[in-house]
Amino acid sequence: MVIEWLKFRVPAEQRERYVQVDAEIWSVALESYDGFLGKEVWISPEDVSELVLMIRWASREQWKAIDQTALDHIAQTFDQTLGFEYEMLESKEYQVRRFASI
C-alpha cells in the first residue's frame, strides 16, 4: 500500500467548506479509479487553517496510472466550485511497511 500525503493551508473560516467540496469532487472522482482504497481528512486542533489529506492506494503503479488530463479536469472543477484561494504546503509519498508475523 502507498500513502499520498497532502498538506494544505486554507482560510480558517473556509475550512469546513473546503472539506465538504473536497469530499464531493475529489473523493467521488478518486473512488472511480482502480487502486483507490480510501481517504482521510485530518484537521489540526492547534491550527484551524491547516488540513492534511491522507489517501491510500493499493499500489504506486495504480495511483500513477491515472491520466494527468483527468486529474487536471478534476482540479479545475474543484477550484471553480470552491471559489477561494488555498495553498498546498507539502506533498509526500509513503509506502506502508508490513512485517511478517513471528
PDB file of N, CA and C in Angstrom:
ATOM      1  N   MET A   1       0.840  -1.175   0.000  1.00  0.00           N
ATOM      2  CA  MET A   1       0.000   0.000   0.000  1.00  0.00           C
ATOM      3  C   MET A   1       0.889   1.243   0.000  1.00  0.00           C
ATOM      4  N   VAL A   2       0.379   2.291  -0.654  1.00  0.00           N
ATOM      5  CA  VAL A   2       1.089   3.558  -0.762  1.00  0.00           C
ATOM      6  C   VAL A   2       0.177   4.658  -0.225  1.00  0.00           C
ATOM      7  N   ILE A   3       0.788   5.598   0.459  1.00  0.00           N
ATOM      8  CA  ILE A   3       0.058   6.743   1.002  1.00  0.00           C
ATOM      9  C   ILE A   3       0.454   7.998   0.239  1.00  0.00           C
ATOM     10  N   GLU A   4      -0.544   8.710  -0.225  1.00  0.00           N
ATOM     11  CA  GLU A   4      -0.362  10.051  -0.789  1.00  0.00           C
ATOM     12  C   GLU A   4      -0.747  11.011   0.333  1.00  0.00           C
ATOM     13  N   TRP A   5       0.194  11.845   0.770  1.00  0.00           N
ATOM     14  CA  TRP A   5       0.016  12.715   1.924  1.00  0.00           C
ATOM     15  C   TRP A   5       0.118  14.160   1.450  1.00  0.00           C
ATOM     16  N   LEU A   6      -0.950  14.923   1.621  1.00  0.00           N
ATOM     17  CA  LEU A   6      -1.001  16.300   1.131  1.00  0.00           C
ATOM     18  C   LEU A   6      -1.369  17.239   2.270  1.00  0.00           C
ATOM     19  N   LYS A   7      -0.626  18.314   2.399  1.00  0.00           N
ATOM     20  CA  LYS A   7      -0.885  19.299   3.457  1.00  0.00           C
ATOM     21  C   LYS A   7      -1.247  20.634   2.810  1.00  0.00           C
ATOM     22  N   PHE A   8      -2.361  21.220   3.277  1.00  0.00           N
ATOM     23  CA  PHE A   8      -2.875  22.464   2.715  1.00  0.00           C
ATOM     24  C   PHE A   8      -3.063  23.523   3.775  1.00  0.00           C
ATOM     25  N   ARG A   9      -2.988  24.775   3.326  1.00  0.00           N
ATOM     26  CA  ARG A   9      -3.359  25.928   4.149  1.00  0.00           C
ATOM     27  C   ARG A   9      -4.600  26.527   3.485  1.00  0.00           C
ATOM     28  N   VAL A  10      -5.667  26.659   4.266  1.00  0.00           N
ATOM     29  CA  VAL A  10      -6.917  27.246   3.777  1.00  0.00           C
ATOM     30  C   VAL A  10      -7.323  28.359   4.738  1.00  0.00           C
ATOM     31  N   PRO A  11      -8.124  29.310   4.269  1.00  0.00           N
ATOM     32  CA  PRO A  11      -8.613  30.316   5.211  1.00  0.00           C
ATOM     33  C   PRO A  11      -9.397  29.621   6.329  1.00  0.00           C
ATOM     34  N   ALA A  12      -9.097  29.956   7.558  1.00  0.00           N
ATOM     35  CA  ALA A  12      -9.693  29.266   8.705  1.00  0.00           C
ATOM     36  C   ALA A  12     -11.219  29.247   8.639  1.00  0.00           C
ATOM     37  N   GLU A  13     -11.806  30.356   8.217  1.00  0.00           N
ATOM     38  CA  GLU A  13     -13.268  30.434   8.167  1.00  0.00           C
ATOM     39  C   GLU A  13     -13.865  29.614   7.018  1.00  0.00           C
ATOM     40  N   GLN A  14     -13.012  29.132   6.120  1.00  0.00           N
ATOM     41  CA  GLN A  14     -13.468  28.341   4.969  1.00  0.00           C
ATOM     42  C   GLN A  14     -13.108  26.855   5.090  1.00  0.00           C
ATOM     43  N   ARG A  15     -12.535  26.453   6.210  1.00  0.00           N
ATOM     44  CA  ARG A  15     -12.052  25.075   6.346  1.00  0.00           C
ATOM     45  C   ARG A  15     -13.151  24.046   6.092  1.00  0.00           C
ATOM     46  N   GLU A  16     -14.309  24.220   6.690  1.00  0.00           N
ATOM     47  CA  GLU A  16     -15.377  23.233   6.522  1.00  0.00           C
ATOM     48  C   GLU A  16     -15.889  23.197   5.090  1.00  0.00           C
ATOM     49  N   ARG A  17     -15.931  24.326   4.440  1.00  0.00           N
ATOM     50  CA  ARG A  17     -16.328  24.356   3.012  1.00  0.00           C
ATOM     51  C   ARG A  17     -15.323  23.576   2.187  1.00  0.00           C
ATOM     52  N   TYR A  18     -14.042  23.764   2.456  1.00  0.00           N
ATOM     53  CA  TYR A  18     -13.010  23.025   1.725  1.00  0.00           C
ATOM     54  C   TYR A  18     -13.217  21.522   1.898  1.00  0.00           C
ATOM     55  N   VAL A  19     -13.424  21.079   3.118  1.00  0.00           N
ATOM     56  CA  VAL A  19     -13.606  19.652   3.396  1.00  0.00           C
ATOM     57  C   VAL A  19     -14.836  19.122   2.654  1.00  0.00           C
ATOM     58  N   GLN A  20     -15.912  19.881   2.666  1.00  0.00           N
ATOM     59  CA  GLN A  20     -17.151  19.464   2.000  1.00  0.00           C
ATOM     60  C   GLN A  20     -16.965  19.352   0.489  1.00  0.00           C
ATOM     61  N   VAL A  21     -16.384  20.366  -0.128  1.00  0.00           N
ATOM     62  CA  VAL A  21     -16.200  20.356  -1.586  1.00  0.00           C
ATOM     63  C   VAL A  21     -15.185  19.294  -1.987  1.00  0.00           C
ATOM     64  N   ASP A  22     -14.166  19.096  -1.179  1.00  0.00           N
ATOM     65  CA  ASP A  22     -13.196  18.039  -1.450  1.00  0.00           C
ATOM     66  C   ASP A  22     -13.878  16.670  -1.470  1.00  0.00           C
ATOM     67  N   ALA A  23     -14.763  16.425  -0.518  1.00  0.00           N
ATOM     68  CA  ALA A  23     -15.475  15.143  -0.469  1.00  0.00           C
ATOM     69  C   ALA A  23     -16.386  14.978  -1.679  1.00  0.00           C
ATOM     70  N   GLU A  24     -17.051  16.052  -2.083  1.00  0.00           N
ATOM     71  CA  GLU A  24     -17.992  15.992  -3.203  1.00  0.00           C
ATOM     72  C   GLU A  24     -17.309  15.832  -4.552  1.00  0.00           C
ATOM     73  N   ILE A  25     -16.120  16.377  -4.694  1.00  0.00           N
ATOM     74  CA  ILE A  25     -15.468  16.368  -6.008  1.00  0.00           C
ATOM     75  C   ILE A  25     -14.287  15.403  -6.043  1.00  0.00           C
ATOM     76  N   TRP A  26     -13.261  15.649  -5.229  1.00  0.00           N
ATOM     77  CA  TRP A  26     -12.065  14.803  -5.280  1.00  0.00           C
ATOM     78  C   TRP A  26     -12.349  13.374  -4.817  1.00  0.00           C
ATOM     79  N   SER A  27     -12.981  13.232  -3.672  1.00  0.00           N
ATOM     80  CA  SER A  27     -13.201  11.881  -3.148  1.00  0.00           C
ATOM     81  C   SER A  27     -14.069  11.058  -4.089  1.00  0.00           C
ATOM     82  N   VAL A  28     -15.136  11.646  -4.597  1.00  0.00           N
ATOM     83  CA  VAL A  28     -16.016  10.931  -5.524  1.00  0.00           C
ATOM     84  C   VAL A  28     -15.253  10.535  -6.785  1.00  0.00           C
ATOM     85  N   ALA A  29     -14.440  11.439  -7.309  1.00  0.00           N
ATOM     86  CA  ALA A  29     -13.677  11.134  -8.524  1.00  0.00           C
ATOM     87  C   ALA A  29     -12.657  10.025  -8.277  1.00  0.00           C
ATOM     88  N   LEU A  30     -11.935  10.100  -7.169  1.00  0.00           N
ATOM     89  CA  LEU A  30     -10.902   9.099  -6.889  1.00  0.00           C
ATOM     90  C   LEU A  30     -11.487   7.707  -6.674  1.00  0.00           C
ATOM     91  N   GLU A  31     -12.701   7.641  -6.148  1.00  0.00           N
ATOM     92  CA  GLU A  31     -13.348   6.347  -5.918  1.00  0.00           C
ATOM     93  C   GLU A  31     -13.534   5.545  -7.208  1.00  0.00           C
ATOM     94  N   SER A  32     -13.526   6.209  -8.343  1.00  0.00           N
ATOM     95  CA  SER A  32     -13.735   5.514  -9.616  1.00  0.00           C
ATOM     96  C   SER A  32     -12.456   4.886 -10.171  1.00  0.00           C
ATOM     97  N   TYR A  33     -11.317   5.136  -9.539  1.00  0.00           N
ATOM     98  CA  TYR A  33     -10.045   4.628 -10.050  1.00  0.00           C
ATOM     99  C   TYR A  33      -9.617   3.350  -9.346  1.00  0.00           C
ATOM    100  N   ASP A  34      -9.098   2.412 -10.147  1.00  0.00           N
ATOM    101  CA  ASP A  34      -8.546   1.179  -9.602  1.00  0.00           C
ATOM    102  C   ASP A  34      -7.414   1.520  -8.641  1.00  0.00           C
ATOM    103  N   GLY A  35      -7.380   0.837  -7.548  1.00  0.00           N
ATOM    104  CA  GLY A  35      -6.300   1.027  -6.584  1.00  0.00           C
ATOM    105  C   GLY A  35      -6.619   1.993  -5.480  1.00  0.00           C
ATOM    106  N   PHE A  36      -7.659   2.807  -5.632  1.00  0.00           N
ATOM    107  CA  PHE A  36      -8.031   3.741  -4.566  1.00  0.00           C
ATOM    108  C   PHE A  36      -8.636   2.950  -3.417  1.00  0.00           C
ATOM    109  N   LEU A  37      -8.065   3.105  -2.227  1.00  0.00           N
ATOM    110  CA  LEU A  37      -8.528   2.358  -1.061  1.00  0.00           C
ATOM    111  C   LEU A  37      -9.281   3.208  -0.050  1.00  0.00           C
ATOM    112  N   GLY A  38      -9.056   4.505  -0.079  1.00  0.00           N
ATOM    113  CA  GLY A  38      -9.750   5.363   0.877  1.00  0.00           C
ATOM    114  C   GLY A  38      -8.990   6.649   1.139  1.00  0.00           C
ATOM    115  N   LYS A  39      -9.639   7.512   1.896  1.00  0.00           N
ATOM    116  CA  LYS A  39      -9.074   8.835   2.142  1.00  0.00           C
ATOM    117  C   LYS A  39      -9.525   9.322   3.515  1.00  0.00           C
ATOM    118  N   GLU A  40      -8.628  10.002   4.191  1.00  0.00           N
ATOM    119  CA  GLU A  40      -8.946  10.643   5.468  1.00  0.00           C
ATOM    120  C   GLU A  40      -8.568  12.109   5.383  1.00  0.00           C
ATOM    121  N   VAL A  41      -9.336  12.932   6.065  1.00  0.00           N
ATOM    122  CA  VAL A  41      -9.025  14.356   6.190  1.00  0.00           C
ATOM    123  C   VAL A  41      -8.673  14.604   7.639  1.00  0.00           C
ATOM    124  N   TRP A  42      -7.485  15.112   7.856  1.00  0.00           N
ATOM    125  CA  TRP A  42      -7.021  15.404   9.208  1.00  0.00           C
ATOM    126  C   TRP A  42      -7.050  16.913   9.417  1.00  0.00           C
ATOM    127  N   ILE A  43      -7.650  17.350  10.513  1.00  0.00           N
ATOM    128  CA  ILE A  43      -7.666  18.769  10.849  1.00  0.00           C
ATOM    129  C   ILE A  43      -6.860  18.978  12.125  1.00  0.00           C
ATOM    130  N   SER A  44      -6.148  20.066  12.155  1.00  0.00           N
ATOM    131  CA  SER A  44      -5.294  20.365  13.299  1.00  0.00           C
ATOM    132  C   SER A  44      -6.086  21.117  14.358  1.00  0.00           C
ATOM    133  N   PRO A  45      -6.063  20.625  15.596  1.00  0.00           N
ATOM    134  CA  PRO A  45      -6.736  21.372  16.666  1.00  0.00           C
ATOM    135  C   PRO A  45      -5.965  22.637  17.057  1.00  0.00           C
ATOM    136  N   GLU A  46      -4.721  22.710  16.647  1.00  0.00           N
ATOM    137  CA  GLU A  46      -3.880  23.858  17.002  1.00  0.00           C
ATOM    138  C   GLU A  46      -3.839  24.931  15.924  1.00  0.00           C
ATOM    139  N   ASP A  47      -4.145  24.552  14.662  1.00  0.00           N
ATOM    140  CA  ASP A  47      -4.093  25.483  13.543  1.00  0.00           C
ATOM    141  C   ASP A  47      -5.277  25.200  12.635  1.00  0.00           C
ATOM    142  N   VAL A  48      -6.347  25.968  12.767  1.00  0.00           N
ATOM    143  CA  VAL A  48      -7.578  25.688  12.023  1.00  0.00           C
ATOM    144  C   VAL A  48      -7.453  25.965  10.526  1.00  0.00           C
ATOM    145  N   SER A  49      -6.343  26.535  10.106  1.00  0.00           N
ATOM    146  CA  SER A  49      -6.140  26.770   8.676  1.00  0.00           C
ATOM    147  C   SER A  49      -5.366  25.630   8.006  1.00  0.00           C
ATOM    148  N   GLU A  50      -4.984  24.630   8.771  1.00  0.00           N
ATOM    149  CA  GLU A  50      -4.189  23.523   8.237  1.00  0.00           C
ATOM    150  C   GLU A  50      -5.048  22.269   8.056  1.00  0.00           C
ATOM    151  N   LEU A  51      -4.897  21.635   6.897  1.00  0.00           N
ATOM    152  CA  LEU A  51      -5.569  20.373   6.590  1.00  0.00           C
ATOM    153  C   LEU A  51      -4.557  19.398   6.031  1.00  0.00           C
ATOM    154  N   VAL A  52      -4.687  18.140   6.385  1.00  0.00           N
ATOM    155  CA  VAL A  52      -3.869  17.087   5.795  1.00  0.00           C
ATOM    156  C   VAL A  52      -4.817  16.063   5.190  1.00  0.00           C
ATOM    157  N   LEU A  53      -4.551  15.688   3.953  1.00  0.00           N
ATOM    158  CA  LEU A  53      -5.302  14.639   3.285  1.00  0.00           C
ATOM    159  C   LEU A  53      -4.400  13.420   3.197  1.00  0.00           C
ATOM    160  N   MET A  54      -4.902  12.302   3.663  1.00  0.00           N
ATOM    161  CA  MET A  54      -4.147  11.056   3.635  1.00  0.00           C
ATOM    162  C   MET A  54      -4.931  10.081   2.755  1.00  0.00           C
ATOM    163  N   ILE A  55      -4.371   9.803   1.576  1.00  0.00           N
ATOM    164  CA  ILE A  55      -5.056   8.992   0.574  1.00  0.00           C
ATOM    165  C   ILE A  55      -4.314   7.672   0.434  1.00  0.00           C
ATOM    166  N   ARG A  56      -5.059   6.572   0.542  1.00  0.00           N
ATOM    167  CA  ARG A  56      -4.468   5.235   0.463  1.00  0.00           C
ATOM    168  C   ARG A  56      -4.686   4.640  -0.922  1.00  0.00           C
ATOM    169  N   TRP A  57      -3.603   4.121  -1.487  1.00  0.00           N
ATOM    170  CA  TRP A  57      -3.626   3.458  -2.791  1.00  0.00           C
ATOM    171  C   TRP A  57      -3.090   2.045  -2.638  1.00  0.00           C
ATOM    172  N   ALA A  58      -3.668   1.104  -3.388  1.00  0.00           N
ATOM    173  CA  ALA A  58      -3.218  -0.293  -3.341  1.00  0.00           C
ATOM    174  C   ALA A  58      -1.780  -0.412  -3.821  1.00  0.00           C
ATOM    175  N   SER A  59      -1.431   0.364  -4.858  1.00  0.00           N
ATOM    176  CA  SER A  59      -0.057   0.328  -5.376  1.00  0.00           C
ATOM    177  C   SER A  59       0.290   1.677  -5.992  1.00  0.00           C
ATOM    178  N   ARG A  60       1.562   1.954  -6.043  1.00  0.00           N
ATOM    179  CA  ARG A  60       2.034   3.195  -6.671  1.00  0.00           C
ATOM    180  C   ARG A  60       1.707   3.190  -8.160  1.00  0.00           C
ATOM    181  N   GLU A  61       1.799   2.028  -8.775  1.00  0.00           N
ATOM    182  CA  GLU A  61       1.530   1.900 -10.207  1.00  0.00           C
ATOM    183  C   GLU A  61       0.090   2.289 -10.528  1.00  0.00           C
ATOM    184  N   GLN A  62      -0.853   1.837  -9.708  1.00  0.00           N
ATOM    185  CA  GLN A  62      -2.254   2.196  -9.939  1.00  0.00           C
ATOM    186  C   GLN A  62      -2.495   3.683  -9.722  1.00  0.00           C
ATOM    187  N   TRP A  63      -1.894   4.238  -8.702  1.00  0.00           N
ATOM    188  CA  TRP A  63      -2.036   5.661  -8.427  1.00  0.00           C
ATOM    189  C   TRP A  63      -1.482   6.489  -9.581  1.00  0.00           C
ATOM    190  N   LYS A  64      -0.274   6.176  -9.996  1.00  0.00           N
ATOM    191  CA  LYS A  64       0.394   6.970 -11.028  1.00  0.00           C
ATOM    192  C   LYS A  64      -0.138   6.708 -12.435  1.00  0.00           C
ATOM    193  N   ALA A  65      -0.978   5.684 -12.601  1.00  0.00           N
ATOM    194  CA  ALA A  65      -1.561   5.374 -13.910  1.00  0.00           C
ATOM    195  C   ALA A  65      -2.741   6.295 -14.247  1.00  0.00           C
ATOM    196  N   ILE A  66      -3.182   7.084 -13.294  1.00  0.00           N
ATOM    197  CA  ILE A  66      -4.311   7.985 -13.551  1.00  0.00           C
ATOM    198  C   ILE A  66      -3.872   9.053 -14.541  1.00  0.00           C
ATOM    199  N   ASP A  67      -4.680   9.242 -15.561  1.00  0.00           N
ATOM    200  CA  ASP A  67      -4.391  10.187 -16.633  1.00  0.00           C
ATOM    201  C   ASP A  67      -4.293  11.623 -16.098  1.00  0.00           C
ATOM    202  N   GLN A  68      -3.222  12.307 -16.427  1.00  0.00           N
ATOM    203  CA  GLN A  68      -2.996  13.669 -15.937  1.00  0.00           C
ATOM    204  C   GLN A  68      -4.080  14.627 -16.422  1.00  0.00           C
ATOM    205  N   THR A  69      -4.568  14.424 -17.624  1.00  0.00           N
ATOM    206  CA  THR A  69      -5.638  15.278 -18.144  1.00  0.00           C
ATOM    207  C   THR A  69      -6.890  15.162 -17.280  1.00  0.00           C
ATOM    208  N   ALA A  70      -7.202  13.943 -16.850  1.00  0.00           N
ATOM    209  CA  ALA A  70      -8.355  13.729 -15.971  1.00  0.00           C
ATOM    210  C   ALA A  70      -8.134  14.428 -14.630  1.00  0.00           C
ATOM    211  N   LEU A  71      -6.929  14.303 -14.074  1.00  0.00           N
ATOM    212  CA  LEU A  71      -6.623  14.967 -12.798  1.00  0.00           C
ATOM    213  C   LEU A  71      -6.722  16.484 -12.925  1.00  0.00           C
ATOM    214  N   ASP A  72      -6.230  17.014 -14.038  1.00  0.00           N
ATOM    215  CA  ASP A  72      -6.310  18.465 -14.270  1.00  0.00           C
ATOM    216  C   ASP A  72      -7.764  18.930 -14.339  1.00  0.00           C
ATOM    217  N   HIS A  73      -8.612  18.127 -14.979  1.00  0.00           N
ATOM    218  CA  HIS A  73     -10.035  18.469 -15.088  1.00  0.00           C
ATOM    219  C   HIS A  73     -10.698  18.455 -13.701  1.00  0.00           C
ATOM    220  N   ILE A  74     -10.392  17.444 -12.899  1.00  0.00           N
ATOM    221  CA  ILE A  74     -10.944  17.371 -11.541  1.00  0.00           C
ATOM    222  C   ILE A  74     -10.483  18.584 -10.725  1.00  0.00           C
ATOM    223  N   ALA A  75      -9.206  18.915 -10.833  1.00  0.00           N
ATOM    224  CA  ALA A  75      -8.656  20.060 -10.091  1.00  0.00           C
ATOM    225  C   ALA A  75      -9.334  21.360 -10.513  1.00  0.00           C
ATOM    226  N   GLN A  76      -9.572  21.525 -11.810  1.00  0.00           N
ATOM    227  CA  GLN A  76     -10.221  22.737 -12.306  1.00  0.00           C
ATOM    228  C   GLN A  76     -11.660  22.833 -11.779  1.00  0.00           C
ATOM    229  N   THR A  77     -12.379  21.730 -11.830  1.00  0.00           N
ATOM    230  CA  THR A  77     -13.750  21.693 -11.305  1.00  0.00           C
ATOM    231  C   THR A  77     -13.759  22.017  -9.812  1.00  0.00           C
ATOM    232  N   PHE A  78     -12.822  21.428  -9.076  1.00  0.00           N
ATOM    233  CA  PHE A  78     -12.707  21.674  -7.638  1.00  0.00           C
ATOM    234  C   PHE A  78     -12.466  23.155  -7.365  1.00  0.00           C
ATOM    235  N   ASP A  79     -11.474  23.741  -8.032  1.00  0.00           N
ATOM    236  CA  ASP A  79     -11.127  25.142  -7.794  1.00  0.00           C
ATOM    237  C   ASP A  79     -12.286  26.075  -8.130  1.00  0.00           C
ATOM    238  N   GLN A  80     -12.986  25.807  -9.237  1.00  0.00           N
ATOM    239  CA  GLN A  80     -14.116  26.658  -9.622  1.00  0.00           C
ATOM    240  C   GLN A  80     -15.260  26.543  -8.616  1.00  0.00           C
ATOM    241  N   THR A  81     -15.519  25.345  -8.137  1.00  0.00           N
ATOM    242  CA  THR A  81     -16.601  25.131  -7.176  1.00  0.00           C
ATOM    243  C   THR A  81     -16.246  25.727  -5.826  1.00  0.00           C
ATOM    244  N   LEU A  82     -14.988  25.586  -5.430  1.00  0.00           N
ATOM    245  CA  LEU A  82     -14.547  26.063  -4.121  1.00  0.00           C
ATOM    246  C   LEU A  82     -14.698  27.571  -3.996  1.00  0.00           C
ATOM    247  N   GLY A  83     -14.155  28.295  -4.958  1.00  0.00           N
ATOM    248  CA  GLY A  83     -14.345  29.737  -5.000  1.00  0.00           C
ATOM    249  C   GLY A  83     -13.462  30.564  -4.093  1.00  0.00           C
ATOM    250  N   PHE A  84     -12.411  29.989  -3.521  1.00  0.00           N
ATOM    251  CA  PHE A  84     -11.460  30.781  -2.736  1.00  0.00           C
ATOM    252  C   PHE A  84     -10.070  30.161  -2.878  1.00  0.00           C
ATOM    253  N   GLU A  85      -9.064  30.928  -2.530  1.00  0.00           N
ATOM    254  CA  GLU A  85      -7.673  30.502  -2.666  1.00  0.00           C
ATOM    255  C   GLU A  85      -7.254  29.619  -1.499  1.00  0.00           C
ATOM    256  N   TYR A  86      -6.387  28.671  -1.804  1.00  0.00           N
ATOM    257  CA  TYR A  86      -5.772  27.797  -0.800  1.00  0.00           C
ATOM    258  C   TYR A  86      -4.358  27.517  -1.278  1.00  0.00           C
ATOM    259  N   GLU A  87      -3.548  26.951  -0.422  1.00  0.00           N
ATOM    260  CA  GLU A  87      -2.150  26.683  -0.759  1.00  0.00           C
ATOM    261  C   GLU A  87      -1.769  25.265  -0.359  1.00  0.00           C
ATOM    262  N   MET A  88      -1.152  24.544  -1.298  1.00  0.00           N
ATOM    263  CA  MET A  88      -0.587  23.247  -0.943  1.00  0.00           C
ATOM    264  C   MET A  88       0.779  23.515  -0.324  1.00  0.00           C
ATOM    265  N   LEU A  89       0.960  23.083   0.911  1.00  0.00           N
ATOM    266  CA  LEU A  89       2.210  23.311   1.619  1.00  0.00           C
ATOM    267  C   LEU A  89       3.210  22.179   1.422  1.00  0.00           C
ATOM    268  N   GLU A  90       2.710  20.951   1.377  1.00  0.00           N
ATOM    269  CA  GLU A  90       3.586  19.784   1.236  1.00  0.00           C
ATOM    270  C   GLU A  90       2.854  18.676   0.501  1.00  0.00           C
ATOM    271  N   SER A  91       3.637  17.885  -0.205  1.00  0.00           N
ATOM    272  CA  SER A  91       3.138  16.689  -0.872  1.00  0.00           C
ATOM    273  C   SER A  91       4.182  15.601  -0.672  1.00  0.00           C
ATOM    274  N   LYS A  92       3.748  14.474  -0.086  1.00  0.00           N
ATOM    275  CA  LYS A  92       4.683  13.396   0.210  1.00  0.00           C
ATOM    276  C   LYS A  92       4.082  12.057  -0.198  1.00  0.00           C
ATOM    277  N   GLU A  93       4.960  11.092  -0.305  1.00  0.00           N
ATOM    278  CA  GLU A  93       4.549   9.735  -0.625  1.00  0.00           C
ATOM    279  C   GLU A  93       5.207   8.789   0.377  1.00  0.00           C
ATOM    280  N   TYR A  94       4.421   7.846   0.870  1.00  0.00           N
ATOM    281  CA  TYR A  94       4.933   6.859   1.823  1.00  0.00           C
ATOM    282  C   TYR A  94       4.514   5.462   1.380  1.00  0.00           C
ATOM    283  N   GLN A  95       5.357   4.507   1.665  1.00  0.00           N
ATOM    284  CA  GLN A  95       4.986   3.108   1.500  1.00  0.00           C
ATOM    285  C   GLN A  95       4.667   2.558   2.879  1.00  0.00           C
ATOM    286  N   VAL A  96       3.609   1.773   2.954  1.00  0.00           N
ATOM    287  CA  VAL A  96       3.246   1.156   4.220  1.00  0.00           C
ATOM    288  C   VAL A  96       4.076  -0.118   4.377  1.00  0.00           C
ATOM    289  N   ARG A  97       4.816  -0.167   5.433  1.00  0.00           N
ATOM    290  CA  ARG A  97       5.704  -1.301   5.711  1.00  0.00           C
ATOM    291  C   ARG A  97       4.928  -2.341   6.488  1.00  0.00           C
ATOM    292  N   ARG A  98       4.901  -3.536   5.962  1.00  0.00           N
ATOM    293  CA  ARG A  98       4.253  -4.666   6.633  1.00  0.00           C
ATOM    294  C   ARG A  98       5.307  -5.638   7.074  1.00  0.00           C
ATOM    295  N   PHE A  99       5.208  -6.087   8.310  1.00  0.00           N
ATOM    296  CA  PHE A  99       6.158  -7.051   8.846  1.00  0.00           C
ATOM    297  C   PHE A  99       5.508  -8.426   8.870  1.00  0.00           C
ATOM    298  N   ALA A 100       6.306  -9.427   8.581  1.00  0.00           N
ATOM    299  CA  ALA A 100       5.807 -10.802   8.648  1.00  0.00           C
ATOM    300  C   ALA A 100       5.519 -11.158  10.094  1.00  0.00           C
ATOM    301  N   SER A 101       4.491 -11.988  10.297  1.00  0.00           N
ATOM    302  CA  SER A 101       4.144 -12.443  11.651  1.00  0.00           C
ATOM    303  C   SER A 101       5.250 -13.342  12.178  1.00  0.00           C
ATOM    304  N   ILE A 102       5.505 -13.232  13.445  1.00  0.00           N
ATOM    305  CA  ILE A 102       6.546 -14.050  14.070  1.00  0.00           C
ATOM    306  C   ILE A 102       5.922 -15.307  14.637  1.00  0.00           C
TER     307      ILE A 102
END
